[in-house]
Amino acid sequence: MTGAIVSPAGLPAGAEPAGSCRWAAVVEPDALVPAAAALVSGGMRLALVSGHDDPVGPRVTYLFTSGPPDHRVELHVPLEPGHPCVPTLAGLSFQGSRFEREMADLFGFEPLDHPQKRRLVLHQHWPDGWYPMRRDAGPMPALVADAGQYPFVPVEGTGVYEIPVGPVHAGLIEPGHFRFWVVGETILRMKARLWFVHKGIEKLFEHREPADGLGLAEKISGDSAVGHGLAYCQGVEDASGIEVPADAQVLRAALLELERLYNHVADVGALCNDVGFGLANAWALSLRELLLRLNADVTGHRLLRGGVVLGGAAVHRLPTAAELTEVSERFEEIAELARTSAFVMERFTGTATLSEANAADLGVVGPAGRASGLAFDARVSHPHWDSLPTFEPARHTGGDVLARYLVRTDEIRSSLGLLAGLAGLGPSVCPAAGAGAGGAASRSGVGIVEGWRGAIVHRIELDSAGQLGRVKVVDPSFLNWPAVPVSLANTIVPDFPLANKSFNLSYAGNDL
């Protein structure tokens, strides 16, 4: 979405327009905390922190966002090459503290006075002093053979014992280690240890042509191909000055809702399955299969890959009214089956509660945040199309498994309604729309998309040859994983699978 940029509150002196709804300012390290505090006080949230190893020296970019109206402010902080360090924002933003730990692991930029400087992304067997995102990183050195165990903080007391789970799990789940400290069956504390499959995605983007990076973006988290693909395209389009036709924006909005739809339907069934109600899950899996086949008709791929292209969309057709009606009727049968099961509702109610205050402090996004009473939805705060039909995001206040389940059921109904409206607005023929000329290029761009798990953010910088110089990705799972242990306090161990599924976070999206 383009248009006149209105100055947000707390904008630093010297900030200039930098792209779509975006301002940028260069801030010295000693001025970072006051500048960030002014933006946070003005209602902005820290959406991204990106390290850069530029030819002229190291730099850190902080992206703050708010909306509506859509506001985006970047603070660019140059660092000393010999000792790259920056004041921590941990006192202002919990998510900022995790971005800083990630940056310290991958770039070696030190967050001064950070309250927890332990590694986050790189496990203890990664060699000290080797930072994979540096320009001069070179080949990976040998791993440390005797690195020792991860330093879990113990919980002590009468009757307290530990339960280790993972990192290898049964079935298809990706690796993650969960350590429980319990008394009887009651969980006192849980620590999630992730990043067992760090893939170096952001490094893989470097030096590619922008069109070649789209396929990689779609595979960051396979069930979010549209969300990540669209955020990537928006970032490249912002950086290149590409205008997207209104018809293509309609198609993109429809693809996002189709992706939301099949994933939420699967989660509704899986939640019922985790309390032993397999019938509802069987019906949901059948409906999910119908939706996947519909996806294949719409884009040629069951997971909707290839539907979003730079500058437009490539859609064979949109769902018909009859197809949407069938999906709606079948879904309502599943929802009624679950609603009238006293056993299901009892197990959901009051389980793994995340309070609104905790959700806000942790920076939780997406359905998990809206189930705890938060209002943020990027479709409202950062709409990618001026004519997107207005709607109220699904929102509940209970913060428990039931609330997260109800947000999903409400979003399914909302997605079906949006798809019905978009199908009526869409073009009668849906050809692939390619990148076209537009406004002035800024060489950097930001894409923000409300994926089905929450806000997905991509920040793109192009080099002098027009290739990808730096791509920073934030999947909502990176922000939401810390909420799972918080919600489990005083929950019983047998409810962990149910609680974990109610968040249903991505290991792949987190373990970039």
Protein backbone atom coordinates (compact mmCIF):
# COMPACT_ATOMS: atom_id res chain seq x y z
CA MET A 1 0.00 0.00 0.00
CA THR A 2 1.37 3.40 -0.92
CA GLY A 3 0.35 6.94 -0.22
CA ALA A 4 1.23 10.00 1.81
CA ILE A 5 3.24 9.22 4.94
CA VAL A 6 1.95 10.84 8.13
CA SER A 7 4.61 11.41 10.76
CA PRO A 8 4.21 9.06 13.76
CA ALA A 9 4.63 10.11 17.37
CA GLY A 10 8.16 10.00 18.76
CA LEU A 11 9.87 10.26 15.38
CA PRO A 12 13.59 11.08 15.90
CA ALA A 13 15.07 14.28 14.59
CA GLY A 14 16.48 13.91 11.11
CA ALA A 15 14.18 11.04 10.12
CA GLU A 16 13.25 10.98 6.45
CA PRO A 17 10.72 9.04 4.36
CA ALA A 18 12.29 5.74 3.26
CA GLY A 19 9.54 3.77 1.53
CA SER A 20 5.95 2.69 1.90
CA CYS A 21 4.60 4.21 5.15
CA ARG A 22 8.18 4.17 6.44
CA TRP A 23 10.61 6.64 7.98
CA ALA A 24 14.31 6.09 8.73
CA ALA A 25 16.83 7.85 10.93
CA VAL A 26 20.51 7.31 11.74
CA VAL A 27 20.98 7.19 15.50
CA GLU A 28 24.26 6.98 17.40
CA PRO A 29 24.51 4.15 19.96
CA ASP A 30 24.28 6.41 23.00
CA ALA A 31 21.02 7.89 21.64
CA LEU A 32 19.38 4.54 20.83
CA VAL A 33 17.59 3.87 24.11
CA PRO A 34 15.96 7.34 24.36
CA ALA A 35 14.92 7.19 20.69
CA ALA A 36 13.44 3.71 21.11
CA ALA A 37 11.69 4.71 24.33
CA ALA A 38 10.03 7.65 22.59
CA LEU A 39 8.68 5.38 19.87
CA VAL A 40 7.42 2.79 22.36
CA SER A 41 5.77 5.54 24.42
CA GLY A 42 4.06 6.67 21.22
CA GLY A 43 2.44 3.25 20.84
CA MET A 44 4.89 1.52 18.52
CA ARG A 45 6.08 -2.08 18.87
CA LEU A 46 9.53 -3.41 18.08
CA ALA A 47 8.88 -5.71 15.12
CA LEU A 48 12.42 -6.55 13.99
CA VAL A 49 16.10 -6.11 14.80
CA SER A 50 18.57 -6.78 11.99
CA GLY A 51 22.34 -6.98 12.16
CA HIS A 52 24.38 -5.87 9.14
CA ASP A 53 28.04 -6.37 8.31
CA ASP A 54 28.34 -3.63 5.70
CA PRO A 55 31.52 -2.96 3.71
CA VAL A 56 31.83 0.36 5.56
CA GLY A 57 31.31 -1.20 8.98
CA PRO A 58 28.77 -2.94 11.22
CA ARG A 59 25.25 -1.59 11.68
CA VAL A 60 22.03 -2.54 13.44
CA THR A 61 18.55 -1.72 12.14
CA TYR A 62 15.56 -1.52 14.49
CA LEU A 63 12.08 -1.55 12.95
CA PHE A 64 9.20 -0.14 15.00
CA THR A 65 5.62 -0.38 13.74
CA SER A 66 2.12 0.70 14.67
CA GLY A 67 -1.27 1.05 13.07
CA PRO A 68 -3.77 2.00 11.93
CA PRO A 69 -2.66 4.22 10.31
CA ASP A 70 0.25 2.16 9.07
CA HIS A 71 3.47 3.59 10.53
CA ARG A 72 6.96 2.11 10.26
CA VAL A 73 10.07 3.70 11.72
CA GLU A 74 13.62 2.43 11.29
CA LEU A 75 16.54 3.37 13.52
CA HIS A 76 19.92 2.67 11.91
CA VAL A 77 22.74 2.47 14.45
CA PRO A 78 26.35 2.41 13.16
CA LEU A 79 28.78 0.44 15.36
CA GLU A 80 32.52 0.57 15.93
CA PRO A 81 34.22 -2.05 13.70
CA GLY A 82 36.79 -3.04 16.33
CA HIS A 83 34.25 -3.57 19.11
CA PRO A 84 30.71 -3.73 17.71
CA CYS A 85 28.40 -3.18 20.65
CA VAL A 86 25.07 -1.49 21.22
CA PRO A 87 23.03 -0.62 24.34
CA THR A 88 20.42 -3.24 25.14
CA LEU A 89 16.70 -2.55 24.74
CA ALA A 90 15.81 -5.37 27.14
CA GLY A 91 14.35 -2.88 29.60
CA LEU A 92 11.91 -1.64 26.96
CA SER A 93 11.05 -4.80 25.05
CA PHE A 94 11.27 -8.50 25.87
CA GLN A 95 11.23 -9.40 22.19
CA GLY A 96 14.03 -6.89 21.71
CA SER A 97 16.13 -8.79 24.24
CA ARG A 98 15.73 -11.99 22.19
CA PHE A 99 16.54 -10.23 18.92
CA GLU A 100 19.72 -8.97 20.58
CA ARG A 101 20.74 -12.46 21.74
CA GLU A 102 20.12 -13.79 18.23
CA MET A 103 22.26 -10.99 16.77
CA ALA A 104 25.05 -11.63 19.28
CA ASP A 105 25.15 -15.30 18.24
CA LEU A 106 25.12 -14.71 14.49
CA PHE A 107 27.04 -11.42 14.15
CA GLY A 108 29.00 -11.08 17.39
CA PHE A 109 27.48 -7.66 18.12
CA GLU A 110 27.42 -7.30 21.90
CA PRO A 111 24.24 -5.97 23.61
CA LEU A 112 25.69 -3.98 26.49
CA ASP A 113 24.15 -4.60 29.93
CA HIS A 114 21.90 -7.36 28.61
CA PRO A 115 20.43 -9.26 31.57
CA GLN A 116 20.87 -12.69 29.94
CA LYS A 117 23.84 -13.05 27.62
CA ARG A 118 23.64 -16.81 27.18
CA ARG A 119 23.52 -18.10 23.64
CA LEU A 120 20.11 -18.38 22.07
CA VAL A 121 20.47 -19.67 18.50
CA LEU A 122 23.85 -21.40 18.46
CA HIS A 123 24.12 -24.42 20.75
CA GLN A 124 27.11 -24.95 23.01
CA HIS A 125 28.94 -27.17 20.50
CA TRP A 126 29.27 -24.23 18.05
CA PRO A 127 32.82 -22.81 18.35
CA ASP A 128 33.35 -19.54 20.20
CA GLY A 129 34.31 -16.51 18.15
CA TRP A 130 32.82 -17.74 14.86
CA TYR A 131 29.86 -15.66 13.67
CA PRO A 132 28.16 -17.18 10.59
CA MET A 133 26.53 -13.98 9.34
CA ARG A 134 29.79 -12.02 9.14
CA ARG A 135 31.12 -11.23 5.68
CA ASP A 136 34.44 -12.88 6.54
CA ALA A 137 32.99 -15.87 8.40
CA GLY A 138 34.42 -18.40 5.95
CA PRO A 139 33.83 -22.15 6.24
CA MET A 140 32.41 -23.46 9.49
CA PRO A 141 35.12 -24.61 11.93
CA ALA A 142 34.98 -27.99 13.63
CA LEU A 143 32.31 -28.39 16.28
CA VAL A 144 33.30 -28.55 19.94
CA ALA A 145 33.23 -32.22 20.91
CA ASP A 146 33.15 -31.82 24.72
CA ALA A 147 30.89 -28.79 24.99
CA GLY A 148 28.96 -30.17 27.95
CA GLN A 149 25.28 -29.94 28.75
CA TYR A 150 22.99 -26.96 28.34
CA PRO A 151 22.99 -24.98 31.62
CA PHE A 152 19.36 -25.34 32.61
CA VAL A 153 18.42 -23.32 35.69
CA PRO A 154 17.38 -25.97 38.23
CA VAL A 155 14.25 -25.93 40.33
CA GLU A 156 14.78 -27.42 43.78
CA GLY A 157 12.49 -28.40 46.62
CA THR A 158 10.78 -31.32 48.28
CA GLY A 159 9.24 -33.66 45.73
CA VAL A 160 10.53 -31.75 42.69
CA TYR A 161 11.76 -33.87 39.80
CA GLU A 162 12.64 -33.32 36.13
CA ILE A 163 11.06 -34.75 32.99
CA PRO A 164 13.11 -34.35 29.78
CA VAL A 165 11.19 -34.57 26.50
CA GLY A 166 12.91 -34.58 23.11
CA PRO A 167 14.63 -33.23 21.09
CA VAL A 168 13.74 -36.29 18.99
CA HIS A 169 9.99 -36.92 18.99
CA ALA A 170 7.73 -39.60 17.62
CA GLY A 171 6.01 -38.88 14.31
CA LEU A 172 6.83 -35.96 12.01
CA ILE A 173 7.40 -33.23 14.60
CA GLU A 174 10.68 -31.33 14.23
CA PRO A 175 13.29 -31.42 17.00
CA GLY A 176 12.82 -29.45 20.19
CA HIS A 177 13.76 -30.21 23.78
CA PHE A 178 11.32 -29.52 26.62
CA ARG A 179 12.51 -29.78 30.23
CA PHE A 180 9.83 -29.94 32.94
CA TRP A 181 10.22 -29.44 36.68
CA VAL A 182 7.18 -30.91 38.39
CA VAL A 183 5.69 -31.92 41.72
CA GLY A 184 3.35 -34.84 41.23
CA GLU A 185 1.76 -33.94 37.89
CA THR A 186 1.82 -30.16 38.37
CA ILE A 187 4.32 -28.23 36.23
CA LEU A 188 6.33 -25.71 38.22
CA ARG A 189 8.47 -24.62 35.30
CA MET A 190 9.17 -25.61 31.70
CA LYS A 191 12.07 -24.60 29.49
CA ALA A 192 11.92 -25.00 25.71
CA ARG A 193 15.29 -25.52 23.99
CA LEU A 194 15.03 -25.04 20.24
CA TRP A 195 17.38 -24.27 17.31
CA PHE A 196 18.39 -27.86 16.66
CA VAL A 197 17.93 -27.39 12.90
CA HIS A 198 19.37 -23.93 12.29
CA LYS A 199 19.56 -23.75 8.49
CA GLY A 200 21.19 -20.39 7.77
CA ILE A 201 18.18 -19.20 5.74
CA GLU A 202 19.12 -15.53 5.90
CA LYS A 203 22.62 -16.32 4.63
CA LEU A 204 21.15 -18.36 1.78
CA PHE A 205 19.29 -15.29 0.52
CA GLU A 206 22.49 -13.29 -0.02
CA HIS A 207 23.56 -12.47 -3.59
CA ARG A 208 20.46 -14.01 -5.20
CA GLU A 209 18.35 -12.22 -7.74
CA PRO A 210 15.13 -11.02 -6.04
CA ALA A 211 13.00 -13.33 -8.20
CA ASP A 212 15.15 -16.30 -7.15
CA GLY A 213 14.65 -15.54 -3.46
CA LEU A 214 10.87 -16.04 -3.60
CA GLY A 215 11.05 -19.83 -3.70
CA LEU A 216 13.29 -19.84 -0.64
CA ALA A 217 10.90 -17.50 1.21
CA GLU A 218 7.97 -19.83 0.49
CA LYS A 219 9.86 -22.72 2.13
CA ILE A 220 10.83 -20.95 5.38
CA SER A 221 7.85 -22.61 7.04
CA GLY A 222 6.00 -24.85 4.60
CA ASP A 223 2.52 -24.24 6.00
CA SER A 224 3.02 -20.47 5.60
CA ALA A 225 4.10 -20.32 1.96
CA VAL A 226 1.72 -17.47 1.15
CA GLY A 227 2.48 -15.50 4.32
CA HIS A 228 6.26 -15.62 3.91
CA GLY A 229 6.11 -15.35 0.13
CA LEU A 230 3.92 -12.26 0.31
CA ALA A 231 5.98 -10.57 3.03
CA TYR A 232 9.10 -11.18 0.94
CA CYS A 233 7.47 -9.81 -2.21
CA GLN A 234 6.21 -6.73 -0.37
CA GLY A 235 9.73 -6.06 0.89
CA VAL A 236 11.27 -6.39 -2.58
CA GLU A 237 8.50 -4.30 -4.13
CA ASP A 238 9.01 -1.59 -1.52
CA ALA A 239 12.75 -1.62 -2.16
CA SER A 240 12.34 -1.59 -5.96
CA GLY A 241 9.45 0.85 -6.27
CA ILE A 242 7.13 -1.75 -7.84
CA GLU A 243 3.42 -0.94 -7.84
CA VAL A 244 1.06 -3.92 -7.51
CA PRO A 245 -2.22 -3.74 -9.48
CA ALA A 246 -5.45 -3.69 -7.47
CA ASP A 247 -6.65 -6.95 -9.05
CA ALA A 248 -3.48 -8.69 -7.92
CA GLN A 249 -4.01 -7.36 -4.38
CA VAL A 250 -7.45 -8.99 -4.38
CA LEU A 251 -5.91 -12.31 -5.36
CA ARG A 252 -3.17 -12.00 -2.73
CA ALA A 253 -5.73 -11.33 -0.01
CA ALA A 254 -7.71 -14.39 -1.11
CA LEU A 255 -4.60 -16.59 -1.00
CA LEU A 256 -3.81 -15.46 2.54
CA GLU A 257 -7.29 -16.42 3.70
CA LEU A 258 -7.12 -19.79 1.95
CA GLU A 259 -3.88 -20.50 3.79
CA ARG A 260 -5.43 -19.40 7.09
CA LEU A 261 -8.46 -21.57 6.41
CA TYR A 262 -6.81 -24.94 5.83
CA ASN A 263 -4.40 -24.49 8.75
CA HIS A 264 -7.06 -23.45 11.25
CA VAL A 265 -9.32 -26.33 10.19
CA ALA A 266 -6.44 -28.74 10.83
CA ASP A 267 -5.78 -27.18 14.26
CA VAL A 268 -9.43 -27.41 15.30
CA GLY A 269 -9.32 -31.14 14.59
CA ALA A 270 -5.92 -31.65 16.21
CA LEU A 271 -7.03 -29.93 19.42
CA CYS A 272 -10.01 -32.26 19.65
CA ASN A 273 -7.74 -35.21 18.94
CA ASP A 274 -5.42 -34.25 21.81
CA VAL A 275 -8.27 -34.76 24.28
CA GLY A 276 -9.22 -38.08 22.70
CA PHE A 277 -12.08 -36.88 20.50
CA GLY A 278 -10.89 -38.55 17.31
CA LEU A 279 -14.19 -38.26 15.44
CA ALA A 280 -13.94 -34.45 15.21
CA ASN A 281 -10.34 -34.78 14.06
CA ALA A 282 -11.30 -37.29 11.35
CA TRP A 283 -13.95 -34.92 10.03
CA ALA A 284 -11.48 -31.99 10.16
CA LEU A 285 -8.82 -33.96 8.28
CA SER A 286 -11.37 -34.79 5.59
CA LEU A 287 -12.27 -31.11 5.28
CA ARG A 288 -8.58 -30.14 5.22
CA GLU A 289 -8.06 -32.53 2.30
CA LEU A 290 -10.91 -30.87 0.43
CA LEU A 291 -9.29 -27.49 1.04
CA LEU A 292 -5.86 -28.72 -0.09
CA ARG A 293 -7.39 -29.96 -3.33
CA LEU A 294 -9.10 -26.59 -3.74
CA ASN A 295 -5.70 -24.93 -3.20
CA ALA A 296 -4.27 -27.05 -6.00
CA ASP A 297 -7.03 -25.85 -8.31
CA VAL A 298 -6.39 -22.22 -7.33
CA THR A 299 -2.59 -22.12 -7.72
CA GLY A 300 -1.48 -25.54 -8.95
CA HIS A 301 0.02 -26.43 -5.55
CA ARG A 302 -1.67 -27.92 -2.48
CA LEU A 303 0.21 -25.53 -0.17
CA LEU A 304 -0.47 -22.54 -2.46
CA ARG A 305 3.14 -22.11 -3.58
CA GLY A 306 3.53 -20.05 -6.71
CA GLY A 307 0.37 -18.04 -6.06
CA VAL A 308 2.23 -14.87 -5.08
CA VAL A 309 4.74 -13.49 -7.59
CA LEU A 310 6.79 -10.32 -7.60
CA GLY A 311 4.51 -7.49 -8.63
CA GLY A 312 1.33 -9.55 -8.62
CA ALA A 313 -0.27 -12.96 -8.28
CA ALA A 314 -0.61 -16.11 -10.37
CA VAL A 315 -4.02 -17.63 -9.69
CA HIS A 316 -5.94 -20.00 -11.96
CA ARG A 317 -9.29 -19.25 -10.36
CA LEU A 318 -10.93 -18.25 -7.09
CA PRO A 319 -13.21 -20.50 -5.00
CA THR A 320 -16.83 -20.50 -6.11
CA ALA A 321 -19.74 -19.61 -3.86
CA ALA A 322 -20.85 -23.24 -3.89
CA GLU A 323 -17.42 -24.45 -2.77
CA LEU A 324 -17.28 -21.92 0.07
CA THR A 325 -20.79 -22.91 1.17
CA GLU A 326 -19.80 -26.57 1.30
CA VAL A 327 -16.72 -25.77 3.37
CA SER A 328 -18.79 -23.63 5.74
CA GLU A 329 -21.45 -26.29 6.24
CA ARG A 330 -18.92 -29.04 6.88
CA PHE A 331 -16.96 -26.86 9.28
CA GLU A 332 -20.06 -25.93 11.29
CA GLU A 333 -20.79 -29.63 11.74
CA ILE A 334 -17.32 -30.10 13.23
CA ALA A 335 -17.67 -27.03 15.46
CA GLU A 336 -21.06 -28.20 16.73
CA LEU A 337 -19.68 -31.67 17.41
CA ALA A 338 -16.93 -30.19 19.58
CA ARG A 339 -19.15 -27.57 21.24
CA THR A 340 -21.69 -30.13 22.41
CA SER A 341 -19.02 -32.41 23.88
CA ALA A 342 -18.86 -31.63 27.58
CA PHE A 343 -15.59 -33.54 27.82
CA VAL A 344 -13.91 -31.44 25.12
CA MET A 345 -15.10 -28.12 26.53
CA GLU A 346 -14.09 -29.10 30.08
CA ARG A 347 -10.57 -30.04 29.01
CA PHE A 348 -10.17 -26.81 27.01
CA THR A 349 -11.51 -24.47 29.71
CA GLY A 350 -8.95 -23.04 32.10
CA THR A 351 -6.03 -25.01 30.63
CA ALA A 352 -2.69 -23.26 29.98
CA THR A 353 -3.90 -19.73 30.57
CA LEU A 354 -1.84 -16.82 29.25
CA SER A 355 -2.97 -13.53 30.77
CA GLU A 356 -3.33 -10.38 28.71
CA ALA A 357 -0.57 -8.73 30.74
CA ASN A 358 1.85 -11.59 30.10
CA ALA A 359 0.93 -11.73 26.41
CA ALA A 360 1.57 -7.98 26.08
CA ASP A 361 4.87 -8.13 27.99
CA LEU A 362 6.12 -11.01 25.83
CA GLY A 363 5.00 -9.38 22.57
CA VAL A 364 2.76 -12.29 21.55
CA VAL A 365 1.13 -11.94 18.12
CA GLY A 366 -1.55 -13.66 16.07
CA PRO A 367 -4.38 -15.86 17.40
CA ALA A 368 -2.41 -16.60 20.57
CA GLY A 369 -2.28 -12.90 21.39
CA ARG A 370 -5.87 -12.19 20.41
CA ALA A 371 -7.04 -15.13 22.56
CA SER A 372 -5.52 -13.28 25.53
CA GLY A 373 -7.32 -10.02 24.71
CA LEU A 374 -4.73 -8.27 22.53
CA ALA A 375 -6.08 -6.51 19.47
CA PHE A 376 -3.11 -6.50 17.08
CA ASP A 377 -3.82 -7.92 13.61
CA ALA A 378 -1.62 -6.88 10.68
CA ARG A 379 -4.62 -7.01 8.33
CA VAL A 380 -5.89 -3.96 10.23
CA SER A 381 -2.62 -2.31 11.30
CA HIS A 382 -0.69 -2.86 8.04
CA PRO A 383 -3.21 -3.53 5.25
CA HIS A 384 -1.60 -4.28 1.92
CA TRP A 385 -4.63 -3.11 -0.01
CA ASP A 386 -6.65 0.08 0.57
CA SER A 387 -9.93 -1.56 -0.45
CA LEU A 388 -9.72 -4.66 1.77
CA PRO A 389 -13.19 -5.08 3.29
CA THR A 390 -13.26 -3.87 6.87
CA PHE A 391 -13.69 -6.53 9.52
CA GLU A 392 -13.21 -7.03 13.24
CA PRO A 393 -10.42 -9.48 14.09
CA ALA A 394 -11.49 -12.47 16.17
CA ARG A 395 -10.67 -11.78 19.79
CA HIS A 396 -11.28 -13.47 23.16
CA THR A 397 -10.08 -12.69 26.65
CA GLY A 398 -9.86 -16.06 28.41
CA GLY A 399 -6.27 -16.74 27.39
CA ASP A 400 -6.72 -20.51 27.78
CA VAL A 401 -6.88 -23.38 25.31
CA LEU A 402 -10.60 -22.73 24.84
CA ALA A 403 -9.95 -19.09 23.90
CA ARG A 404 -7.25 -20.08 21.40
CA TYR A 405 -9.64 -22.68 19.96
CA LEU A 406 -12.47 -20.12 19.70
CA VAL A 407 -10.25 -17.56 17.97
CA ARG A 408 -9.50 -20.20 15.35
CA THR A 409 -13.16 -21.09 14.81
CA ASP A 410 -14.07 -17.40 14.56
CA GLU A 411 -11.22 -16.80 12.10
CA ILE A 412 -12.41 -19.70 9.93
CA ARG A 413 -15.82 -18.05 9.67
CA SER A 414 -14.17 -14.67 9.04
CA SER A 415 -11.93 -16.13 6.31
CA LEU A 416 -14.92 -17.71 4.59
CA GLY A 417 -16.71 -14.36 4.65
CA LEU A 418 -13.68 -12.51 3.32
CA LEU A 419 -13.19 -15.08 0.57
CA ALA A 420 -16.83 -14.73 -0.48
CA GLY A 421 -16.39 -10.97 -0.74
CA LEU A 422 -13.02 -11.15 -2.48
CA ALA A 423 -14.30 -13.69 -5.00
CA GLY A 424 -16.94 -11.15 -6.00
CA LEU A 425 -14.33 -8.39 -6.33
CA GLY A 426 -11.70 -10.45 -8.13
CA PRO A 427 -11.14 -10.32 -11.88
CA SER A 428 -13.08 -12.76 -14.01
CA VAL A 429 -9.80 -14.03 -15.45
CA CYS A 430 -6.81 -14.59 -13.17
CA PRO A 431 -3.58 -14.45 -15.19
CA ALA A 432 -0.13 -14.20 -13.65
CA ALA A 433 0.77 -10.57 -13.05
CA GLY A 434 4.49 -9.83 -13.26
CA ALA A 435 6.61 -7.07 -11.78
CA GLY A 436 5.98 -3.71 -13.37
CA ALA A 437 7.40 -0.23 -13.11
CA GLY A 438 6.28 1.90 -10.22
CA GLY A 439 7.56 4.58 -7.88
CA ALA A 440 11.09 5.44 -6.89
CA ALA A 441 13.29 2.65 -5.57
CA SER A 442 14.62 3.05 -2.02
CA ARG A 443 16.96 0.02 -2.11
CA SER A 444 15.36 -1.23 1.13
CA GLY A 445 11.86 -2.41 1.86
CA VAL A 446 9.62 -3.95 4.48
CA GLY A 447 6.80 -6.47 4.13
CA ILE A 448 4.33 -7.13 6.97
CA VAL A 449 1.67 -9.80 6.57
CA GLU A 450 -0.82 -11.34 9.02
CA GLY A 451 -0.04 -15.01 8.53
CA TRP A 452 -2.24 -17.62 10.14
CA ARG A 453 0.09 -17.78 13.17
CA GLY A 454 0.50 -14.01 13.37
CA ALA A 455 2.51 -11.17 11.88
CA ILE A 456 5.30 -12.15 9.46
CA VAL A 457 7.92 -9.47 8.79
CA HIS A 458 10.58 -9.40 6.06
CA ARG A 459 13.06 -6.57 5.68
CA ILE A 460 14.96 -6.49 2.38
CA GLU A 461 18.07 -4.59 1.33
CA LEU A 462 19.27 -4.69 -2.26
CA ASP A 463 22.92 -4.20 -3.15
CA SER A 464 24.29 -1.92 -5.88
CA ALA A 465 23.76 -4.65 -8.48
CA GLY A 466 20.09 -5.06 -7.52
CA GLN A 467 20.71 -8.43 -5.85
CA LEU A 468 19.67 -9.39 -2.34
CA GLY A 469 22.13 -7.93 0.12
CA ARG A 470 20.39 -8.60 3.43
CA VAL A 471 17.09 -10.35 4.13
CA LYS A 472 15.91 -10.36 7.74
CA VAL A 473 12.96 -12.63 8.52
CA VAL A 474 10.73 -12.67 11.59
CA ASP A 475 8.30 -15.57 11.84
CA PRO A 476 5.60 -15.17 14.52
CA SER A 477 6.84 -18.34 16.20
CA PHE A 478 10.07 -16.54 17.19
CA LEU A 479 7.96 -14.10 19.20
CA ASN A 480 5.44 -16.62 20.55
CA TRP A 481 7.56 -19.55 21.75
CA PRO A 482 8.38 -17.87 25.10
CA ALA A 483 4.65 -17.72 25.86
CA VAL A 484 4.29 -21.52 25.95
CA PRO A 485 6.30 -22.04 29.18
CA VAL A 486 4.55 -19.09 30.82
CA SER A 487 1.11 -20.53 30.03
CA LEU A 488 2.11 -23.92 31.49
CA ALA A 489 2.68 -22.74 35.06
CA ASN A 490 0.46 -24.86 37.35
CA THR A 491 -0.76 -26.93 34.40
CA ILE A 492 -0.48 -30.70 34.69
CA VAL A 493 2.01 -32.66 32.59
CA PRO A 494 -0.68 -34.63 30.65
CA ASP A 495 -2.04 -31.32 29.33
CA PHE A 496 1.27 -30.29 27.74
CA PRO A 497 0.47 -31.74 24.28
CA LEU A 498 -2.89 -29.96 24.32
CA ALA A 499 -1.38 -26.66 25.46
CA ASN A 500 1.44 -26.88 22.93
CA LYS A 501 -0.99 -27.65 20.11
CA SER A 502 -3.17 -24.68 21.09
CA PHE A 503 -0.24 -22.43 20.15
CA ASN A 504 0.94 -24.72 17.31
CA LEU A 505 4.17 -22.85 16.67
CA SER A 506 6.64 -23.55 13.89
CA TYR A 507 10.05 -25.03 14.64
CA ALA A 508 11.19 -24.31 11.07
CA GLY A 509 10.02 -20.69 11.18
CA ASN A 510 11.83 -20.19 14.49
CA ASP A 511 14.96 -22.16 13.57
CA LEU A 512 16.02 -20.08 10.58
